[in-house]
Amino acid sequence: MPDPQEPRPETAQTLDRGLQVLLELGRPGGVGGLTVSELATRLGVGRSVVYRLVATLEARSFVSRGDDGRVRLGLGVARLQYAVRPVLVEVARPVLQELADQAGATAHLTLAEGDQAVALLVTEPTWTDFHVAYRVGSRHPLERGAAGRAILAGRRGDVDRPATTTGELQLGAHGVAAAVPDVPGLEASVGVVTMGPPPPVEELVLAAARRLSRHLTGGPTDG
């Protein structure tokens, strides 16, 4: 059986391994970094190979090495992340607008930033007289609120059930959110927030999260 870690014949092995280094460093809980030995074990290659990969990535600021010898993601990755965000917003906006109009509630796309959940995009229903105001850039701990809880559930692979909360971020507010599944490197959730008894929107939220995933990965987008 082919080794899933081995690049396909048409890929460049060195580039593939460099990307594997970044993916390993970007795993949840990886803020403390990894040693060269740990990276070599995870990639299944020798330490000398990892040293060369790290040196190349460090020269471009994609990783940094601390005095403790551990390798961490560098500012170059952050620059790429911020460059990608406008693209993500453009792709997500019609999906969120459809969700907001279907649910009659404010919809949002939330990303994980460290241990915080940050609202990247907010859309409001076009046909309701009243709806919850939710600000782009709003942030809160991942363990509070439906959006953050959905991201944490996604880290565990639990993407088939939405997270629901009441009053965790604002008195009387109800949140429903689902992790965006199957998009490598993206920790995000799609959700809605309402005041008063929440409408039955769980399936709408799940469908929107899956639809956004298909848009981002190039999968079929109908349904």
Protein backbone atom coordinates (compact mmCIF):
# COMPACT_ATOMS: atom_id res chain seq x y z
CA MET A 1 0.00 0.00 0.00
CA PRO A 2 1.43 3.45 -0.87
CA ASP A 3 2.65 5.51 2.05
CA PRO A 4 0.22 8.47 2.43
CA GLN A 5 3.17 10.57 3.57
CA GLU A 6 5.00 10.04 0.28
CA PRO A 7 4.33 12.70 -2.37
CA ARG A 8 2.70 11.67 -5.61
CA PRO A 9 5.11 11.19 -8.53
CA GLU A 10 4.22 14.55 -10.06
CA THR A 11 5.05 16.51 -6.87
CA ALA A 12 8.42 17.90 -5.77
CA GLN A 13 9.57 15.89 -2.77
CA THR A 14 11.55 18.68 -1.10
CA LEU A 15 8.68 21.14 -1.41
CA ASP A 16 6.26 18.53 -0.15
CA ARG A 17 8.40 17.87 2.92
CA GLY A 18 8.76 21.57 3.60
CA LEU A 19 4.99 21.91 3.56
CA GLN A 20 4.73 18.92 5.89
CA VAL A 21 6.99 20.76 8.34
CA LEU A 22 4.65 23.76 8.30
CA LEU A 23 1.59 21.54 8.74
CA GLU A 24 3.15 19.75 11.71
CA LEU A 25 4.07 23.04 13.36
CA GLY A 26 0.57 24.36 12.71
CA ARG A 27 -1.26 21.52 14.42
CA PRO A 28 -3.48 22.49 17.39
CA GLY A 29 -1.42 22.85 20.53
CA GLY A 30 1.77 23.41 18.56
CA VAL A 31 2.50 26.90 19.90
CA GLY A 32 5.42 25.54 21.92
CA GLY A 33 7.12 24.33 18.77
CA LEU A 34 8.90 21.07 17.93
CA THR A 35 12.52 19.99 18.02
CA VAL A 36 14.34 18.88 14.89
CA SER A 37 14.26 15.31 16.23
CA GLU A 38 10.50 15.47 16.75
CA LEU A 39 9.99 16.80 13.24
CA ALA A 40 12.23 14.09 11.80
CA THR A 41 10.16 11.43 13.57
CA ARG A 42 6.87 12.88 12.36
CA LEU A 43 8.07 13.18 8.78
CA GLY A 44 9.87 9.84 8.79
CA VAL A 45 13.14 11.35 7.55
CA GLY A 46 16.61 11.93 8.94
CA ARG A 47 17.58 14.89 11.11
CA SER A 48 19.91 16.21 8.41
CA VAL A 49 16.97 16.47 6.00
CA VAL A 50 14.95 18.40 8.57
CA TYR A 51 17.88 20.73 9.31
CA ARG A 52 18.03 21.68 5.63
CA LEU A 53 14.28 22.15 5.39
CA VAL A 54 14.19 24.31 8.52
CA ALA A 55 17.13 26.42 7.34
CA THR A 56 15.38 27.13 4.05
CA LEU A 57 12.05 27.95 5.71
CA GLU A 58 13.79 30.12 8.31
CA ALA A 59 15.51 32.13 5.58
CA ARG A 60 12.02 33.06 4.29
CA SER A 61 10.64 33.71 7.81
CA PHE A 62 8.20 30.80 7.58
CA VAL A 63 9.70 29.28 10.73
CA SER A 64 11.89 30.50 13.56
CA ARG A 65 14.24 28.70 15.93
CA GLY A 66 14.40 29.80 19.54
CA ASP A 67 17.22 29.58 22.04
CA ASP A 68 15.56 26.41 23.32
CA GLY A 69 16.20 24.75 19.96
CA ARG A 70 12.52 24.39 19.16
CA VAL A 71 11.13 25.28 15.76
CA ARG A 72 7.99 27.41 15.56
CA LEU A 73 5.93 28.99 12.81
CA GLY A 74 7.28 32.37 11.75
CA LEU A 75 5.82 35.67 10.64
CA GLY A 76 5.95 34.63 6.99
CA VAL A 77 3.06 32.26 7.67
CA ALA A 78 1.11 35.07 9.32
CA ARG A 79 1.60 37.26 6.25
CA LEU A 80 0.22 34.50 4.04
CA GLN A 81 -2.69 33.99 6.41
CA TYR A 82 -3.70 37.64 6.21
CA ALA A 83 -3.28 37.62 2.43
CA VAL A 84 -5.69 34.69 2.18
CA ARG A 85 -8.38 36.24 4.35
CA PRO A 86 -9.86 38.53 1.65
CA VAL A 87 -10.19 35.49 -0.61
CA LEU A 88 -11.89 33.55 2.17
CA VAL A 89 -14.32 36.41 2.78
CA GLU A 90 -15.18 36.64 -0.91
CA VAL A 91 -15.91 32.92 -1.13
CA ALA A 92 -17.85 32.81 2.14
CA ARG A 93 -20.02 35.89 1.71
CA PRO A 94 -22.74 34.38 -0.54
CA VAL A 95 -22.87 31.25 1.62
CA LEU A 96 -23.36 33.30 4.78
CA GLN A 97 -25.89 35.63 3.16
CA GLU A 98 -27.97 32.64 2.10
CA LEU A 99 -27.77 31.23 5.63
CA ALA A 100 -28.77 34.56 7.20
CA ASP A 101 -31.79 34.87 4.90
CA GLN A 102 -32.84 31.25 5.41
CA ALA A 103 -32.52 31.45 9.20
CA GLY A 104 -33.75 35.02 9.57
CA ALA A 105 -30.77 35.60 11.84
CA THR A 106 -27.31 37.16 11.83
CA ALA A 107 -24.75 34.74 10.38
CA HIS A 108 -21.00 34.76 10.93
CA LEU A 109 -17.76 33.08 9.88
CA THR A 110 -15.33 32.73 12.77
CA LEU A 111 -11.65 31.75 12.72
CA ALA A 112 -9.36 30.45 15.45
CA GLU A 113 -6.46 32.72 16.38
CA GLY A 114 -4.48 31.01 19.10
CA ASP A 115 -6.93 30.40 21.94
CA GLN A 116 -9.36 33.04 20.62
CA ALA A 117 -12.32 32.89 18.24
CA VAL A 118 -12.42 35.92 15.91
CA ALA A 119 -15.34 36.94 13.68
CA LEU A 120 -14.03 37.35 10.13
CA LEU A 121 -17.32 37.94 8.30
CA VAL A 122 -20.83 38.86 9.45
CA THR A 123 -23.97 38.97 7.31
CA GLU A 124 -27.46 40.05 8.28
CA PRO A 125 -30.82 38.87 6.93
CA THR A 126 -32.30 41.12 4.28
CA TRP A 127 -35.95 40.65 5.20
CA THR A 128 -36.21 40.94 9.01
CA ASP A 129 -37.03 44.11 10.93
CA PHE A 130 -34.80 43.20 13.87
CA HIS A 131 -31.66 41.11 14.19
CA VAL A 132 -28.63 40.80 16.42
CA ALA A 133 -25.78 43.22 15.72
CA TYR A 134 -22.47 41.33 15.57
CA ARG A 135 -19.20 43.08 14.80
CA VAL A 136 -16.44 41.83 12.50
CA GLY A 137 -13.33 41.46 14.64
CA SER A 138 -15.25 40.45 17.76
CA ARG A 139 -13.21 37.93 19.71
CA HIS A 140 -13.73 35.65 22.66
CA PRO A 141 -12.13 32.52 24.15
CA LEU A 142 -12.65 29.39 22.06
CA GLU A 143 -14.32 27.63 24.97
CA ARG A 144 -17.06 30.27 25.21
CA GLY A 145 -19.81 30.73 22.65
CA ALA A 146 -21.06 28.42 19.93
CA ALA A 147 -18.55 29.57 17.29
CA GLY A 148 -15.52 28.72 19.40
CA ARG A 149 -17.01 25.51 20.72
CA ALA A 150 -17.68 24.37 17.15
CA ILE A 151 -14.03 24.99 16.24
CA LEU A 152 -12.90 22.93 19.25
CA ALA A 153 -15.30 20.17 18.20
CA GLY A 154 -13.80 20.28 14.71
CA ARG A 155 -10.35 19.71 16.20
CA ARG A 156 -11.72 16.48 17.68
CA GLY A 157 -13.20 15.48 14.35
CA ASP A 158 -16.75 16.09 15.56
CA VAL A 159 -18.14 17.98 12.57
CA ASP A 160 -21.59 16.39 12.26
CA ARG A 161 -23.25 18.08 15.23
CA PRO A 162 -23.56 21.83 15.68
CA ALA A 163 -22.57 23.51 18.92
CA THR A 164 -25.36 25.39 20.69
CA THR A 165 -25.05 27.90 23.53
CA THR A 166 -27.28 30.29 25.42
CA GLY A 167 -26.13 33.43 27.18
CA GLU A 168 -22.42 32.62 27.18
CA LEU A 169 -21.32 35.80 25.41
CA GLN A 170 -24.36 38.02 25.83
CA LEU A 171 -27.35 37.70 28.12
CA GLY A 172 -30.31 36.29 26.19
CA ALA A 173 -28.30 35.50 23.05
CA HIS A 174 -28.50 32.04 21.48
CA GLY A 175 -25.78 30.69 19.22
CA VAL A 176 -25.64 27.75 16.83
CA ALA A 177 -22.43 26.99 14.93
CA ALA A 178 -20.73 24.17 13.02
CA ALA A 179 -17.09 23.60 12.13
CA VAL A 180 -16.07 24.02 8.49
CA PRO A 181 -14.90 20.48 7.68
CA ASP A 182 -12.19 19.03 5.46
CA VAL A 183 -10.24 22.22 4.65
CA PRO A 184 -6.60 21.58 5.58
CA GLY A 185 -5.10 24.36 7.66
CA LEU A 186 -8.41 26.14 8.26
CA GLU A 187 -9.92 26.18 11.75
CA ALA A 188 -13.23 27.94 11.30
CA SER A 189 -16.93 27.72 12.02
CA VAL A 190 -20.13 29.02 10.47
CA GLY A 191 -22.97 29.99 12.74
CA VAL A 192 -25.95 32.18 13.56
CA VAL A 193 -26.84 34.22 16.62
CA THR A 194 -30.33 35.24 17.74
CA MET A 195 -32.05 36.89 20.68
CA GLY A 196 -34.89 34.98 22.24
CA PRO A 197 -35.77 31.35 21.55
CA PRO A 198 -33.54 30.10 18.73
CA PRO A 199 -35.23 28.91 15.51
CA PRO A 200 -34.61 25.34 14.32
CA VAL A 201 -31.50 26.19 12.31
CA GLU A 202 -29.13 23.33 13.14
CA GLU A 203 -29.44 21.65 9.74
CA LEU A 204 -29.16 24.98 7.92
CA VAL A 205 -25.93 25.77 9.77
CA LEU A 206 -24.46 22.33 9.09
CA ALA A 207 -25.36 22.60 5.41
CA ALA A 208 -23.78 26.05 5.15
CA ALA A 209 -20.53 24.87 6.77
CA ARG A 210 -20.33 21.92 4.38
CA ARG A 211 -21.17 24.11 1.38
CA LEU A 212 -18.39 26.54 2.29
CA SER A 213 -15.98 23.62 2.59
CA ARG A 214 -16.88 22.46 -0.91
CA HIS A 215 -16.39 25.95 -2.31
CA LEU A 216 -12.96 26.20 -0.70
CA THR A 217 -11.76 22.75 -1.75
CA GLY A 218 -13.20 22.70 -5.25
CA GLY A 219 -15.75 20.00 -4.54
CA PRO A 220 -19.29 19.89 -5.98
CA THR A 221 -21.23 22.87 -4.69
CA ASP A 222 -24.79 21.91 -5.48
CA GLY A 223 -27.07 20.80 -2.68
